[in-house]
Amino acid sequence: MGRGRMRYRQTNAGFTLVEVILVVAIIGILVAIVVPQYQSYCNRAYDGASMVDLKNMKTGIEAFRSDFEGYPGTILFASTGP
């Protein structure tokens, strides 16, 4: 009767709890390293963009000064109405 029985093979159909916890821990460590570096990268990009904007504003103000012989806010324009 022992020969007629079918033997079931046990196969690994999934991950163990230890493997899942290990993968989650590794992902958590990687995120903890990457997020501050990304924030630093974004801050440097924002600082660079701000510096470019300030230089452009300075150029515009100096162009205004050379055209109107004064800085914006210090010159009163005459009304051109009827």
PDB file of N, CA and C in Angstrom:
ATOM      1  N   MET A   1       0.799  -1.173   0.000  1.00  0.00           N
ATOM      2  CA  MET A   1       0.000   0.000   0.000  1.00  0.00           C
ATOM      3  C   MET A   1       0.858   1.259   0.000  1.00  0.00           C
ATOM      4  N   GLY A   2       2.067   1.186   0.478  1.00  0.00           N
ATOM      5  CA  GLY A   2       2.950   2.327   0.536  1.00  0.00           C
ATOM      6  C   GLY A   2       3.390   2.787  -0.840  1.00  0.00           C
ATOM      7  N   ARG A   3       3.440   1.880  -1.778  1.00  0.00           N
ATOM      8  CA  ARG A   3       3.893   2.265  -3.112  1.00  0.00           C
ATOM      9  C   ARG A   3       2.813   2.994  -3.890  1.00  0.00           C
ATOM     10  N   GLY A   4       1.580   2.764  -3.595  1.00  0.00           N
ATOM     11  CA  GLY A   4       0.495   3.375  -4.331  1.00  0.00           C
ATOM     12  C   GLY A   4       0.196   4.818  -3.891  1.00  0.00           C
ATOM     13  N   ARG A   5       0.721   5.204  -2.773  1.00  0.00           N
ATOM     14  CA  ARG A   5       0.471   6.576  -2.303  1.00  0.00           C
ATOM     15  C   ARG A   5       1.277   7.582  -3.099  1.00  0.00           C
ATOM     16  N   MET A   6       0.698   8.727  -3.308  1.00  0.00           N
ATOM     17  CA  MET A   6       1.441   9.802  -3.967  1.00  0.00           C
ATOM     18  C   MET A   6       2.128  10.620  -2.886  1.00  0.00           C
ATOM     19  N   ARG A   7       3.350  10.880  -3.112  1.00  0.00           N
ATOM     20  CA  ARG A   7       4.084  11.713  -2.163  1.00  0.00           C
ATOM     21  C   ARG A   7       4.013  13.160  -2.627  1.00  0.00           C
ATOM     22  N   TYR A   8       3.670  14.023  -1.705  1.00  0.00           N
ATOM     23  CA  TYR A   8       3.620  15.444  -2.018  1.00  0.00           C
ATOM     24  C   TYR A   8       4.958  16.082  -1.699  1.00  0.00           C
ATOM     25  N   ARG A   9       5.469  16.813  -2.666  1.00  0.00           N
ATOM     26  CA  ARG A   9       6.737  17.529  -2.437  1.00  0.00           C
ATOM     27  C   ARG A   9       6.408  18.892  -1.876  1.00  0.00           C
ATOM     28  N   GLN A  10       7.104  19.243  -0.864  1.00  0.00           N
ATOM     29  CA  GLN A  10       6.933  20.573  -0.324  1.00  0.00           C
ATOM     30  C   GLN A  10       7.913  21.495  -1.036  1.00  0.00           C
ATOM     31  N   THR A  11       7.371  22.555  -1.568  1.00  0.00           N
ATOM     32  CA  THR A  11       8.223  23.538  -2.229  1.00  0.00           C
ATOM     33  C   THR A  11       8.090  24.862  -1.486  1.00  0.00           C
ATOM     34  N   ASN A  12       9.113  25.663  -1.604  1.00  0.00           N
ATOM     35  CA  ASN A  12       9.063  26.989  -0.992  1.00  0.00           C
ATOM     36  C   ASN A  12       8.209  27.879  -1.873  1.00  0.00           C
ATOM     37  N   ALA A  13       7.074  28.243  -1.402  1.00  0.00           N
ATOM     38  CA  ALA A  13       6.141  29.016  -2.194  1.00  0.00           C
ATOM     39  C   ALA A  13       6.209  30.502  -1.871  1.00  0.00           C
ATOM     40  N   GLY A  14       7.021  30.927  -0.917  1.00  0.00           N
ATOM     41  CA  GLY A  14       7.072  32.333  -0.551  1.00  0.00           C
ATOM     42  C   GLY A  14       8.326  32.650   0.236  1.00  0.00           C
ATOM     43  N   PHE A  15       8.313  33.827   0.822  1.00  0.00           N
ATOM     44  CA  PHE A  15       9.446  34.274   1.609  1.00  0.00           C
ATOM     45  C   PHE A  15       9.165  34.034   3.080  1.00  0.00           C
ATOM     46  N   THR A  16      10.221  33.854   3.825  1.00  0.00           N
ATOM     47  CA  THR A  16      10.051  33.721   5.263  1.00  0.00           C
ATOM     48  C   THR A  16       9.953  35.101   5.884  1.00  0.00           C
ATOM     49  N   LEU A  17       9.483  35.162   7.105  1.00  0.00           N
ATOM     50  CA  LEU A  17       9.334  36.430   7.809  1.00  0.00           C
ATOM     51  C   LEU A  17      10.689  37.106   8.011  1.00  0.00           C
ATOM     52  N   VAL A  18      11.703  36.327   8.273  1.00  0.00           N
ATOM     53  CA  VAL A  18      13.049  36.880   8.476  1.00  0.00           C
ATOM     54  C   VAL A  18      13.549  37.541   7.190  1.00  0.00           C
ATOM     55  N   GLU A  19      13.310  36.925   6.053  1.00  0.00           N
ATOM     56  CA  GLU A  19      13.738  37.518   4.784  1.00  0.00           C
ATOM     57  C   GLU A  19      13.015  38.837   4.511  1.00  0.00           C
ATOM     58  N   VAL A  20      11.737  38.886   4.781  1.00  0.00           N
ATOM     59  CA  VAL A  20      10.959  40.103   4.556  1.00  0.00           C
ATOM     60  C   VAL A  20      11.446  41.215   5.483  1.00  0.00           C
ATOM     61  N   ILE A  21      11.663  40.904   6.753  1.00  0.00           N
ATOM     62  CA  ILE A  21      12.146  41.905   7.706  1.00  0.00           C
ATOM     63  C   ILE A  21      13.523  42.412   7.292  1.00  0.00           C
ATOM     64  N   LEU A  22      14.380  41.544   6.823  1.00  0.00           N
ATOM     65  CA  LEU A  22      15.717  41.939   6.385  1.00  0.00           C
ATOM     66  C   LEU A  22      15.639  42.890   5.191  1.00  0.00           C
ATOM     67  N   VAL A  23      14.803  42.592   4.237  1.00  0.00           N
ATOM     68  CA  VAL A  23      14.654  43.466   3.063  1.00  0.00           C
ATOM     69  C   VAL A  23      14.087  44.822   3.477  1.00  0.00           C
ATOM     70  N   VAL A  24      13.102  44.844   4.356  1.00  0.00           N
ATOM     71  CA  VAL A  24      12.529  46.109   4.816  1.00  0.00           C
ATOM     72  C   VAL A  24      13.568  46.921   5.569  1.00  0.00           C
ATOM     73  N   ALA A  25      14.399  46.278   6.368  1.00  0.00           N
ATOM     74  CA  ALA A  25      15.454  46.977   7.107  1.00  0.00           C
ATOM     75  C   ALA A  25      16.481  47.578   6.151  1.00  0.00           C
ATOM     76  N   ILE A  26      16.869  46.848   5.130  1.00  0.00           N
ATOM     77  CA  ILE A  26      17.837  47.361   4.152  1.00  0.00           C
ATOM     78  C   ILE A  26      17.253  48.549   3.401  1.00  0.00           C
ATOM     79  N   ILE A  27      16.001  48.461   2.989  1.00  0.00           N
ATOM     80  CA  ILE A  27      15.354  49.576   2.298  1.00  0.00           C
ATOM     81  C   ILE A  27      15.277  50.792   3.230  1.00  0.00           C
ATOM     82  N   GLY A  28      14.962  50.579   4.500  1.00  0.00           N
ATOM     83  CA  GLY A  28      14.909  51.678   5.467  1.00  0.00           C
ATOM     84  C   GLY A  28      16.253  52.365   5.637  1.00  0.00           C
ATOM     85  N   ILE A  29      17.328  51.599   5.671  1.00  0.00           N
ATOM     86  CA  ILE A  29      18.677  52.174   5.791  1.00  0.00           C
ATOM     87  C   ILE A  29      19.016  52.980   4.547  1.00  0.00           C
ATOM     88  N   LEU A  30      18.705  52.451   3.381  1.00  0.00           N
ATOM     89  CA  LEU A  30      18.979  53.183   2.141  1.00  0.00           C
ATOM     90  C   LEU A  30      18.191  54.488   2.078  1.00  0.00           C
ATOM     91  N   VAL A  31      16.935  54.458   2.489  1.00  0.00           N
ATOM     92  CA  VAL A  31      16.119  55.675   2.487  1.00  0.00           C
ATOM     93  C   VAL A  31      16.682  56.690   3.477  1.00  0.00           C
ATOM     94  N   ALA A  32      17.132  56.225   4.635  1.00  0.00           N
ATOM     95  CA  ALA A  32      17.693  57.122   5.639  1.00  0.00           C
ATOM     96  C   ALA A  32      18.961  57.804   5.137  1.00  0.00           C
ATOM     97  N   ILE A  33      19.676  57.176   4.229  1.00  0.00           N
ATOM     98  CA  ILE A  33      20.892  57.767   3.671  1.00  0.00           C
ATOM     99  C   ILE A  33      20.554  58.696   2.510  1.00  0.00           C
ATOM    100  N   VAL A  34      19.618  58.298   1.668  1.00  0.00           N
ATOM    101  CA  VAL A  34      19.350  59.021   0.425  1.00  0.00           C
ATOM    102  C   VAL A  34      18.544  60.304   0.651  1.00  0.00           C
ATOM    103  N   VAL A  35      17.574  60.302   1.545  1.00  0.00           N
ATOM    104  CA  VAL A  35      16.681  61.449   1.712  1.00  0.00           C
ATOM    105  C   VAL A  35      17.450  62.710   2.118  1.00  0.00           C
ATOM    106  N   PRO A  36      18.336  62.685   3.118  1.00  0.00           N
ATOM    107  CA  PRO A  36      19.071  63.913   3.445  1.00  0.00           C
ATOM    108  C   PRO A  36      19.961  64.399   2.293  1.00  0.00           C
ATOM    109  N   GLN A  37      20.546  63.483   1.547  1.00  0.00           N
ATOM    110  CA  GLN A  37      21.371  63.887   0.411  1.00  0.00           C
ATOM    111  C   GLN A  37      20.511  64.543  -0.659  1.00  0.00           C
ATOM    112  N   TYR A  38      19.323  64.034  -0.894  1.00  0.00           N
ATOM    113  CA  TYR A  38      18.418  64.623  -1.884  1.00  0.00           C
ATOM    114  C   TYR A  38      17.973  66.013  -1.442  1.00  0.00           C
ATOM    115  N   GLN A  39      17.668  66.165  -0.148  1.00  0.00           N
ATOM    116  CA  GLN A  39      17.265  67.476   0.361  1.00  0.00           C
ATOM    117  C   GLN A  39      18.404  68.476   0.220  1.00  0.00           C
ATOM    118  N   SER A  40      19.628  68.049   0.483  1.00  0.00           N
ATOM    119  CA  SER A  40      20.781  68.926   0.322  1.00  0.00           C
ATOM    120  C   SER A  40      20.949  69.326  -1.138  1.00  0.00           C
ATOM    121  N   TYR A  41      20.757  68.385  -2.030  1.00  0.00           N
ATOM    122  CA  TYR A  41      20.843  68.667  -3.467  1.00  0.00           C
ATOM    123  C   TYR A  41      19.792  69.699  -3.877  1.00  0.00           C
ATOM    124  N   CYS A  42      18.561  69.532  -3.394  1.00  0.00           N
ATOM    125  CA  CYS A  42      17.492  70.481  -3.725  1.00  0.00           C
ATOM    126  C   CYS A  42      17.800  71.863  -3.164  1.00  0.00           C
ATOM    127  N   ASN A  43      18.310  71.933  -1.939  1.00  0.00           N
ATOM    128  CA  ASN A  43      18.641  73.223  -1.344  1.00  0.00           C
ATOM    129  C   ASN A  43      19.726  73.940  -2.136  1.00  0.00           C
ATOM    130  N   ARG A  44      20.736  73.207  -2.596  1.00  0.00           N
ATOM    131  CA  ARG A  44      21.788  73.834  -3.413  1.00  0.00           C
ATOM    132  C   ARG A  44      21.212  74.337  -4.728  1.00  0.00           C
ATOM    133  N   ALA A  45      20.284  73.595  -5.317  1.00  0.00           N
ATOM    134  CA  ALA A  45      19.665  74.024  -6.571  1.00  0.00           C
ATOM    135  C   ALA A  45      18.834  75.284  -6.352  1.00  0.00           C
ATOM    136  N   TYR A  46      18.070  75.335  -5.255  1.00  0.00           N
ATOM    137  CA  TYR A  46      17.274  76.527  -4.953  1.00  0.00           C
ATOM    138  C   TYR A  46      18.172  77.732  -4.692  1.00  0.00           C
ATOM    139  N   ASP A  47      19.284  77.522  -3.976  1.00  0.00           N
ATOM    140  CA  ASP A  47      20.217  78.617  -3.711  1.00  0.00           C
ATOM    141  C   ASP A  47      20.810  79.145  -5.012  1.00  0.00           C
ATOM    142  N   GLY A  48      21.170  78.254  -5.909  1.00  0.00           N
ATOM    143  CA  GLY A  48      21.724  78.676  -7.194  1.00  0.00           C
ATOM    144  C   GLY A  48      20.720  79.459  -8.024  1.00  0.00           C
ATOM    145  N   ALA A  49      19.480  78.994  -8.037  1.00  0.00           N
ATOM    146  CA  ALA A  49      18.436  79.697  -8.780  1.00  0.00           C
ATOM    147  C   ALA A  49      18.176  81.071  -8.165  1.00  0.00           C
ATOM    148  N   SER A  50      18.224  81.162  -6.852  1.00  0.00           N
ATOM    149  CA  SER A  50      18.019  82.452  -6.185  1.00  0.00           C
ATOM    150  C   SER A  50      19.135  83.427  -6.528  1.00  0.00           C
ATOM    151  N   MET A  51      20.361  82.935  -6.580  1.00  0.00           N
ATOM    152  CA  MET A  51      21.484  83.808  -6.927  1.00  0.00           C
ATOM    153  C   MET A  51      21.342  84.333  -8.353  1.00  0.00           C
ATOM    154  N   VAL A  52      20.920  83.487  -9.271  1.00  0.00           N
ATOM    155  CA  VAL A  52      20.707  83.923 -10.652  1.00  0.00           C
ATOM    156  C   VAL A  52      19.602  84.974 -10.704  1.00  0.00           C
ATOM    157  N   ASP A  53      18.520  84.759  -9.958  1.00  0.00           N
ATOM    158  CA  ASP A  53      17.420  85.736  -9.934  1.00  0.00           C
ATOM    159  C   ASP A  53      17.889  87.075  -9.375  1.00  0.00           C
ATOM    160  N   LEU A  54      18.699  87.041  -8.314  1.00  0.00           N
ATOM    161  CA  LEU A  54      19.206  88.289  -7.743  1.00  0.00           C
ATOM    162  C   LEU A  54      20.113  89.035  -8.726  1.00  0.00           C
ATOM    163  N   LYS A  55      20.950  88.304  -9.439  1.00  0.00           N
ATOM    164  CA  LYS A  55      21.825  88.951 -10.431  1.00  0.00           C
ATOM    165  C   LYS A  55      21.004  89.573 -11.557  1.00  0.00           C
ATOM    166  N   ASN A  56      19.949  88.878 -11.997  1.00  0.00           N
ATOM    167  CA  ASN A  56      19.076  89.436 -13.038  1.00  0.00           C
ATOM    168  C   ASN A  56      18.343  90.675 -12.534  1.00  0.00           C
ATOM    169  N   MET A  57      17.904  90.652 -11.267  1.00  0.00           N
ATOM    170  CA  MET A  57      17.235  91.808 -10.704  1.00  0.00           C
ATOM    171  C   MET A  57      18.203  92.996 -10.620  1.00  0.00           C
ATOM    172  N   LYS A  58      19.448  92.722 -10.230  1.00  0.00           N
ATOM    173  CA  LYS A  58      20.448  93.791 -10.158  1.00  0.00           C
ATOM    174  C   LYS A  58      20.675  94.401 -11.544  1.00  0.00           C
ATOM    175  N   THR A  59      20.756  93.567 -12.551  1.00  0.00           N
ATOM    176  CA  THR A  59      20.960  94.063 -13.914  1.00  0.00           C
ATOM    177  C   THR A  59      19.777  94.927 -14.344  1.00  0.00           C
ATOM    178  N   GLY A  60      18.566  94.521 -14.032  1.00  0.00           N
ATOM    179  CA  GLY A  60      17.381  95.303 -14.376  1.00  0.00           C
ATOM    180  C   GLY A  60      17.341  96.635 -13.650  1.00  0.00           C
ATOM    181  N   ILE A  61      17.701  96.634 -12.375  1.00  0.00           N
ATOM    182  CA  ILE A  61      17.700  97.880 -11.604  1.00  0.00           C
ATOM    183  C   ILE A  61      18.757  98.841 -12.140  1.00  0.00           C
ATOM    184  N   GLU A  62      19.920  98.313 -12.481  1.00  0.00           N
ATOM    185  CA  GLU A  62      20.977  99.173 -13.017  1.00  0.00           C
ATOM    186  C   GLU A  62      20.607  99.711 -14.403  1.00  0.00           C
ATOM    187  N   ALA A  63      19.905  98.925 -15.201  1.00  0.00           N
ATOM    188  CA  ALA A  63      19.433  99.412 -16.499  1.00  0.00           C
ATOM    189  C   ALA A  63      18.405 100.515 -16.300  1.00  0.00           C
ATOM    190  N   PHE A  64      17.519 100.354 -15.314  1.00  0.00           N
ATOM    191  CA  PHE A  64      16.538 101.394 -14.998  1.00  0.00           C
ATOM    192  C   PHE A  64      17.250 102.672 -14.557  1.00  0.00           C
ATOM    193  N   ARG A  65      18.269 102.511 -13.703  1.00  0.00           N
ATOM    194  CA  ARG A  65      18.997 103.679 -13.214  1.00  0.00           C
ATOM    195  C   ARG A  65      19.676 104.431 -14.344  1.00  0.00           C
ATOM    196  N   SER A  66      20.244 103.695 -15.285  1.00  0.00           N
ATOM    197  CA  SER A  66      20.934 104.373 -16.380  1.00  0.00           C
ATOM    198  C   SER A  66      19.938 105.055 -17.329  1.00  0.00           C
ATOM    199  N   ASP A  67      18.743 104.498 -17.482  1.00  0.00           N
ATOM    200  CA  ASP A  67      17.739 105.106 -18.358  1.00  0.00           C
ATOM    201  C   ASP A  67      17.086 106.331 -17.719  1.00  0.00           C
ATOM    202  N   PHE A  68      16.790 106.255 -16.428  1.00  0.00           N
ATOM    203  CA  PHE A  68      16.012 107.301 -15.779  1.00  0.00           C
ATOM    204  C   PHE A  68      16.810 108.112 -14.749  1.00  0.00           C
ATOM    205  N   GLU A  69      18.095 107.868 -14.655  1.00  0.00           N
ATOM    206  CA  GLU A  69      18.997 108.578 -13.743  1.00  0.00           C
ATOM    207  C   GLU A  69      18.496 108.546 -12.302  1.00  0.00           C
ATOM    208  N   GLY A  70      18.085 107.411 -11.884  1.00  0.00           N
ATOM    209  CA  GLY A  70      17.649 107.208 -10.501  1.00  0.00           C
ATOM    210  C   GLY A  70      17.156 105.783 -10.331  1.00  0.00           C
ATOM    211  N   TYR A  71      17.041 105.398  -9.080  1.00  0.00           N
ATOM    212  CA  TYR A  71      16.605 104.036  -8.801  1.00  0.00           C
ATOM    213  C   TYR A  71      15.082 103.976  -8.700  1.00  0.00           C
ATOM    214  N   PRO A  72      14.495 102.811  -8.954  1.00  0.00           N
ATOM    215  CA  PRO A  72      13.038 102.676  -8.843  1.00  0.00           C
ATOM    216  C   PRO A  72      12.569 103.026  -7.430  1.00  0.00           C
ATOM    217  N   GLY A  73      11.467 103.727  -7.348  1.00  0.00           N
ATOM    218  CA  GLY A  73      10.931 104.110  -6.057  1.00  0.00           C
ATOM    219  C   GLY A  73      11.395 105.482  -5.614  1.00  0.00           C
ATOM    220  N   THR A  74      12.423 106.030  -6.256  1.00  0.00           N
ATOM    221  CA  THR A  74      12.919 107.349  -5.881  1.00  0.00           C
ATOM    222  C   THR A  74      12.575 108.392  -6.924  1.00  0.00           C
ATOM    223  N   ILE A  75      11.983 107.956  -8.028  1.00  0.00           N
ATOM    224  CA  ILE A  75      11.686 108.867  -9.122  1.00  0.00           C
ATOM    225  C   ILE A  75      10.166 109.012  -9.224  1.00  0.00           C
ATOM    226  N   LEU A  76       9.699 110.242  -9.312  1.00  0.00           N
ATOM    227  CA  LEU A  76       8.279 110.493  -9.526  1.00  0.00           C
ATOM    228  C   LEU A  76       8.087 110.796 -10.992  1.00  0.00           C
ATOM    229  N   PHE A  77       7.240 110.036 -11.650  1.00  0.00           N
ATOM    230  CA  PHE A  77       7.000 110.233 -13.080  1.00  0.00           C
ATOM    231  C   PHE A  77       5.874 111.241 -13.260  1.00  0.00           C
ATOM    232  N   ALA A  78       6.046 112.074 -14.255  1.00  0.00           N
ATOM    233  CA  ALA A  78       5.012 113.067 -14.549  1.00  0.00           C
ATOM    234  C   ALA A  78       3.836 112.367 -15.198  1.00  0.00           C
ATOM    235  N   SER A  79       2.666 112.826 -14.905  1.00  0.00           N
ATOM    236  CA  SER A  79       1.456 112.266 -15.486  1.00  0.00           C
ATOM    237  C   SER A  79       1.381 112.695 -16.948  1.00  0.00           C
ATOM    238  N   THR A  80       1.004 111.780 -17.812  1.00  0.00           N
ATOM    239  CA  THR A  80       0.897 112.097 -19.248  1.00  0.00           C
ATOM    240  C   THR A  80      -0.560 112.252 -19.654  1.00  0.00           C
ATOM    241  N   GLY A  81      -1.441 112.477 -18.681  1.00  0.00           N
ATOM    242  CA  GLY A  81      -2.877 112.625 -18.973  1.00  0.00           C
ATOM    243  C   GLY A  81      -3.191 113.952 -19.618  1.00  0.00           C
ATOM    244  N   PRO A  82      -4.443 114.164 -20.069  1.00  0.00           N
ATOM    245  CA  PRO A  82      -4.847 115.396 -20.763  1.00  0.00           C
ATOM    246  C   PRO A  82      -4.907 116.618 -19.904  1.00  0.00           C
TER     247      PRO A  82
END
